[in-house]
Amino acid sequence: MTPHYRVAIFGSARLHEGERDYQDVFSIARGLAEEGFDIVTGGGPGLMQAANAGSRSARSESRSIGLNIRLPREQEPNPFLDIKEEFPLFSSRLDNFMALSDAVVVAPGGIGTLLELFYAWQLVQVERICETPIILYGAIWSDLLSWLKREVMERGLFSKGDMHMIFHVMEPEQVVELIKKIQSDRFKQEHACRNFSKYRNELDAHNQ
């Protein structure tokens, strides 16, 4: 694969076409693909399929990529993949996700999605992927973020600075616009992540 701006979209395999979250993830992926961004998912059903289908629907030159995991049940590759690779282990699959992806979108999901979220966040904390934003999409994450700040950060178990690259976004269009800004600034200046506080302030102002 040639170097290109890629967005990983994580989310549940258990949410289906016709549900609001599926439609939202489809819209996010389509909007990103129309801007030329490749979409990377776990390659399976549910919200992974929504993202890959959204990418394909854009009919752009962007690619729909799936990193599938071998499981005894539930995980068959979805039919909307341009490129797919299969992994026997979650650890090697997660490493490939983060090596490929320039931004991460975390849609509603369960244990697997939480694993992907916290793995990505850990790499940000230790500055292995310091330019990579992590965008939490949807109201499902509100209470988790409040708990992390109230119970974990308040005890000094992580610092306020560790929240720097975490964004909480409520509308599909906001996800697309935020990633467009980050990608554009990344090509204009070194360490574009210094703008992340500005982006967060803009999001907060928009949501008030």
Protein backbone atom coordinates (compact mmCIF):
# COMPACT_ATOMS: atom_id res chain seq x y z
CA MET A 1 0.00 0.00 0.00
CA THR A 2 1.30 3.43 -0.85
CA PRO A 3 1.46 6.07 1.92
CA HIS A 4 -1.93 7.73 2.24
CA TYR A 5 -4.10 9.33 4.90
CA ARG A 6 -6.14 6.57 6.49
CA VAL A 7 -8.86 6.61 9.12
CA ALA A 8 -9.57 3.59 11.32
CA ILE A 9 -13.20 3.19 12.34
CA PHE A 10 -13.87 0.87 15.28
CA GLY A 11 -17.35 -0.27 16.28
CA SER A 12 -19.64 -3.13 17.18
CA ALA A 13 -20.23 -6.18 15.00
CA ARG A 14 -23.68 -6.50 16.58
CA LEU A 15 -25.40 -3.39 15.21
CA HIS A 16 -27.17 -3.80 11.90
CA GLU A 17 -28.33 -1.96 8.80
CA GLY A 18 -31.41 0.11 9.59
CA GLU A 19 -30.18 1.10 13.05
CA ARG A 20 -29.20 4.74 13.64
CA ASP A 21 -25.59 3.94 14.56
CA TYR A 22 -25.15 1.95 11.34
CA GLN A 23 -26.50 4.83 9.27
CA ASP A 24 -24.28 7.34 11.07
CA VAL A 25 -21.11 5.29 10.58
CA PHE A 26 -22.01 4.78 6.91
CA SER A 27 -22.32 8.58 6.56
CA ILE A 28 -19.03 9.24 8.35
CA ALA A 29 -17.13 6.78 6.16
CA ARG A 30 -18.74 8.04 2.98
CA GLY A 31 -17.91 11.64 3.84
CA LEU A 32 -14.30 10.74 4.58
CA ALA A 33 -13.96 8.66 1.42
CA GLU A 34 -15.33 11.53 -0.66
CA GLU A 35 -12.40 13.57 0.67
CA GLY A 36 -10.01 10.85 -0.50
CA PHE A 37 -9.33 9.18 2.85
CA ASP A 38 -8.92 5.42 3.02
CA ILE A 39 -11.12 3.65 5.58
CA VAL A 40 -9.68 0.87 7.76
CA THR A 41 -11.94 -1.42 9.79
CA GLY A 42 -11.92 -4.86 11.33
CA GLY A 43 -13.47 -6.07 8.09
CA GLY A 44 -16.41 -7.82 9.76
CA PRO A 45 -20.16 -7.21 10.06
CA GLY A 46 -22.10 -4.52 11.91
CA LEU A 47 -20.52 -1.08 12.13
CA MET A 48 -17.40 -2.36 10.42
CA GLN A 49 -19.52 -3.22 7.40
CA ALA A 50 -21.25 0.16 7.65
CA ALA A 51 -17.89 1.92 7.39
CA ASN A 52 -16.64 -0.21 4.49
CA ALA A 53 -19.97 0.13 2.67
CA GLY A 54 -19.93 3.89 3.18
CA SER A 55 -16.42 4.06 1.79
CA ARG A 56 -17.39 2.06 -1.29
CA SER A 57 -20.51 4.16 -1.89
CA ALA A 58 -18.41 7.30 -2.38
CA ARG A 59 -17.07 5.94 -5.68
CA SER A 60 -13.81 7.75 -5.08
CA GLU A 61 -10.23 6.57 -5.40
CA SER A 62 -10.07 5.89 -1.66
CA ARG A 63 -9.78 2.29 -0.52
CA SER A 64 -11.90 0.22 1.82
CA ILE A 65 -9.55 -1.88 3.97
CA GLY A 66 -10.44 -4.70 6.35
CA LEU A 67 -8.18 -6.31 8.94
CA ASN A 68 -10.19 -9.37 9.84
CA ILE A 69 -9.69 -11.52 12.94
CA ARG A 70 -10.16 -15.30 12.92
CA LEU A 71 -12.88 -16.14 15.43
CA PRO A 72 -14.90 -19.31 16.02
CA ARG A 73 -18.11 -17.34 15.39
CA GLU A 74 -19.42 -13.91 14.37
CA GLN A 75 -16.57 -12.60 12.22
CA GLU A 76 -16.78 -13.17 8.48
CA PRO A 77 -15.31 -10.56 6.10
CA ASN A 78 -17.96 -8.16 4.82
CA PRO A 79 -18.44 -7.78 1.04
CA PHE A 80 -17.33 -4.13 0.84
CA LEU A 81 -13.54 -4.56 1.05
CA ASP A 82 -11.00 -3.52 -1.58
CA ILE A 83 -8.10 -4.84 0.49
CA LYS A 84 -8.33 -7.42 3.24
CA GLU A 85 -5.91 -9.22 5.51
CA GLU A 86 -6.61 -11.85 8.13
CA PHE A 87 -4.98 -12.13 11.55
CA PRO A 88 -4.95 -15.03 14.04
CA LEU A 89 -4.20 -12.77 17.03
CA PHE A 90 -5.78 -9.57 18.35
CA SER A 91 -2.34 -8.22 19.27
CA SER A 92 -0.88 -8.34 15.75
CA ARG A 93 -4.13 -7.02 14.30
CA LEU A 94 -4.13 -4.03 16.69
CA ASP A 95 -0.51 -3.25 15.84
CA ASN A 96 -1.40 -3.19 12.15
CA PHE A 97 -4.41 -0.97 12.79
CA MET A 98 -2.23 1.63 14.45
CA ALA A 99 0.62 1.35 11.95
CA LEU A 100 -1.80 2.01 9.07
CA SER A 101 -4.04 4.67 10.57
CA ASP A 102 -3.56 8.44 10.84
CA ALA A 103 -6.79 9.03 12.78
CA VAL A 104 -9.12 6.83 14.83
CA VAL A 105 -12.91 7.04 15.08
CA VAL A 106 -14.51 4.98 17.86
CA ALA A 107 -18.20 4.31 17.23
CA PRO A 108 -20.53 2.54 19.68
CA GLY A 109 -19.27 -0.90 20.59
CA GLY A 110 -18.59 -3.47 23.26
CA ILE A 111 -15.53 -5.20 24.68
CA GLY A 112 -13.65 -5.42 21.38
CA THR A 113 -14.23 -1.75 20.63
CA LEU A 114 -13.13 -0.80 24.15
CA LEU A 115 -9.96 -2.83 23.66
CA GLU A 116 -9.22 -0.94 20.45
CA LEU A 117 -9.97 2.41 22.08
CA PHE A 118 -7.70 1.87 25.07
CA TYR A 119 -4.91 0.32 23.01
CA ALA A 120 -4.88 3.36 20.72
CA TRP A 121 -5.02 5.68 23.73
CA GLN A 122 -2.10 3.89 25.38
CA LEU A 123 0.04 4.43 22.27
CA VAL A 124 -0.87 8.12 22.32
CA GLN A 125 0.03 8.38 25.99
CA VAL A 126 3.53 6.97 25.40
CA GLU A 127 3.91 9.14 22.27
CA ARG A 128 4.18 6.31 19.77
CA ILE A 129 1.42 7.92 17.65
CA CYS A 130 1.43 11.47 19.00
CA GLU A 131 -0.12 12.99 15.86
CA THR A 132 -3.10 10.62 15.85
CA PRO A 133 -6.44 11.96 17.10
CA ILE A 134 -8.91 9.59 18.77
CA ILE A 135 -12.49 10.65 18.06
CA LEU A 136 -15.24 9.11 20.17
CA TYR A 137 -18.53 9.22 18.28
CA GLY A 138 -21.90 9.25 19.98
CA ALA A 139 -23.58 9.75 23.33
CA ILE A 140 -22.58 6.26 24.49
CA TRP A 141 -19.16 7.61 25.53
CA SER A 142 -20.37 10.51 27.71
CA ASP A 143 -20.58 8.61 30.99
CA LEU A 144 -17.29 6.78 30.38
CA LEU A 145 -15.46 10.07 29.85
CA SER A 146 -17.07 11.57 32.95
CA TRP A 147 -16.05 8.53 35.01
CA LEU A 148 -12.48 8.61 33.73
CA LYS A 149 -12.13 12.28 34.64
CA ARG A 150 -13.91 12.01 37.99
CA GLU A 151 -12.57 8.71 39.32
CA VAL A 152 -9.30 8.02 37.50
CA MET A 153 -7.80 11.40 36.58
CA GLU A 154 -8.78 12.94 39.93
CA ARG A 155 -6.70 10.28 41.70
CA GLY A 156 -3.69 11.17 39.56
CA LEU A 157 -3.72 7.83 37.73
CA PHE A 158 -3.40 9.67 34.46
CA SER A 159 -2.87 13.35 33.74
CA LYS A 160 -5.10 15.93 32.12
CA GLY A 161 -2.61 16.04 29.25
CA ASP A 162 -3.45 12.42 28.44
CA MET A 163 -6.88 13.66 27.31
CA HIS A 164 -5.30 16.02 24.76
CA MET A 165 -6.03 13.90 21.68
CA ILE A 166 -9.42 12.58 22.78
CA PHE A 167 -12.35 14.26 21.05
CA HIS A 168 -16.02 13.55 21.75
CA VAL A 169 -18.19 14.28 18.73
CA MET A 170 -21.95 13.91 18.38
CA GLU A 171 -22.72 14.48 14.68
CA PRO A 172 -21.38 12.60 11.60
CA GLU A 173 -20.59 15.83 9.74
CA GLN A 174 -18.51 17.05 12.69
CA VAL A 175 -16.34 13.92 12.52
CA VAL A 176 -15.64 14.49 8.83
CA GLU A 177 -14.92 18.20 9.25
CA LEU A 178 -12.62 17.62 12.23
CA ILE A 179 -10.53 15.04 10.38
CA LYS A 180 -10.35 17.28 7.31
CA LYS A 181 -8.95 20.12 9.46
CA ILE A 182 -6.43 17.87 11.18
CA GLN A 183 -5.25 16.37 7.89
CA SER A 184 -4.94 19.78 6.26
CA ASP A 185 -2.95 21.25 9.14
CA ARG A 186 -0.73 18.18 9.29
CA PHE A 187 0.55 18.95 5.80
CA LYS A 188 0.99 22.66 6.58
CA GLN A 189 3.01 22.45 9.78
CA GLU A 190 5.08 20.16 11.93
CA HIS A 191 3.32 18.77 15.01
CA ALA A 192 -0.17 19.79 13.93
CA CYS A 193 -1.39 18.14 17.15
CA ARG A 194 -0.61 21.47 18.84
CA ASN A 195 -3.88 22.67 17.31
CA PHE A 196 -5.93 20.01 19.07
CA SER A 197 -6.97 22.29 21.93
CA LYS A 198 -8.22 24.81 19.37
CA TYR A 199 -10.29 22.14 17.62
CA ARG A 200 -11.75 21.04 20.94
CA ASN A 201 -12.73 24.62 21.82
CA GLU A 202 -14.42 24.97 18.43
CA LEU A 203 -16.37 21.74 19.01
CA ASP A 204 -17.42 22.87 22.47
CA ALA A 205 -18.60 26.22 21.11
CA HIS A 206 -20.58 24.50 18.36
CA ASN A 207 -22.28 22.13 20.82
CA GLN A 208 -23.34 24.83 23.29
